Protein backbone atom coordinates (compact mmCIF):
# COMPACT_ATOMS: atom_id res chain seq x y z
CA MET A 1 -79.20 -19.27 -36.21
CA VAL A 2 -75.18 -19.38 -35.05
CA GLU A 3 -74.98 -19.06 -31.74
CA GLU A 4 -71.92 -17.24 -30.46
CA GLN A 5 -69.65 -18.69 -27.82
CA GLN A 6 -68.79 -16.91 -25.10
CA PRO A 7 -65.07 -16.23 -24.89
CA THR A 8 -63.20 -18.34 -22.01
CA ILE A 9 -62.63 -16.52 -18.56
CA ASN A 10 -58.59 -17.12 -17.14
CA LYS A 11 -58.90 -19.17 -13.75
CA LEU A 12 -57.50 -16.06 -11.99
CA CYS A 13 -60.37 -13.96 -13.06
CA ARG A 14 -62.95 -16.83 -12.38
CA GLY A 15 -62.50 -16.52 -8.92
CA CYS A 16 -62.80 -12.71 -8.41
CA VAL A 17 -65.82 -10.33 -8.05
CA ARG A 18 -64.28 -7.60 -10.05
CA GLN A 19 -66.06 -7.50 -13.66
CA CYS A 20 -62.52 -6.75 -15.25
CA LYS A 21 -62.18 -10.15 -16.71
CA GLN A 22 -59.61 -11.25 -18.93
CA LEU A 23 -59.73 -14.14 -21.60
CA ASP A 24 -58.17 -17.26 -21.06
CA THR A 25 -55.38 -17.16 -23.98
CA ILE A 26 -53.58 -14.25 -21.59
CA VAL A 27 -51.01 -15.31 -19.03
CA MET A 28 -51.55 -13.64 -15.85
CA LEU A 29 -49.38 -14.38 -12.83
CA ASP A 30 -50.36 -12.02 -10.17
CA CYS A 31 -53.65 -8.80 -10.48
CA PRO A 32 -53.21 -6.47 -8.15
CA ARG A 33 -56.59 -5.52 -8.24
CA PHE A 34 -57.68 -9.60 -7.46
CA GLN A 35 -60.60 -9.97 -4.61
CA PRO A 36 -61.40 -13.58 -4.00
CA ARG A 37 -64.81 -14.45 -3.82
CA PRO A 38 -66.23 -14.90 -0.48
CA PHE A 39 -67.70 -18.90 -1.72
CA LYS A 40 -66.62 -21.37 -3.83
CA SER A 41 -68.00 -22.36 -7.44
CA GLU A 42 -67.23 -24.70 -10.00
CA GLU A 43 -68.53 -22.79 -12.94
CA LEU A 44 -69.37 -18.88 -13.02
CA ARG A 45 -72.23 -18.06 -15.92
CA PHE A 46 -72.64 -14.48 -16.82
CA GLU A 47 -75.52 -14.91 -18.98
CA GLN A 48 -78.68 -12.82 -18.45
CA LEU A 49 -81.75 -14.24 -17.86
CA ASP A 50 -84.32 -14.99 -20.81
CA LEU A 51 -86.49 -11.85 -19.94
CA PHE A 52 -86.46 -9.84 -22.46
CA ASN A 53 -85.76 -11.99 -25.70
CA GLY A 54 -89.50 -12.60 -26.65
CA LYS A 55 -89.90 -16.27 -25.86
CA GLU A 56 -92.70 -17.43 -23.89
């Protein structure tokens, strides 16, 4: 089975709490909806937990 890679998220969007993430290929200078995260993290993972995939 071929696993699909998740697209990389823009650096500006990685530091934001909103869900309107843009791809890394887009050059963003500013975002009017930017709301910074209240904490620092190196990399964010938006993968859902493996609760319903049938693996036991």
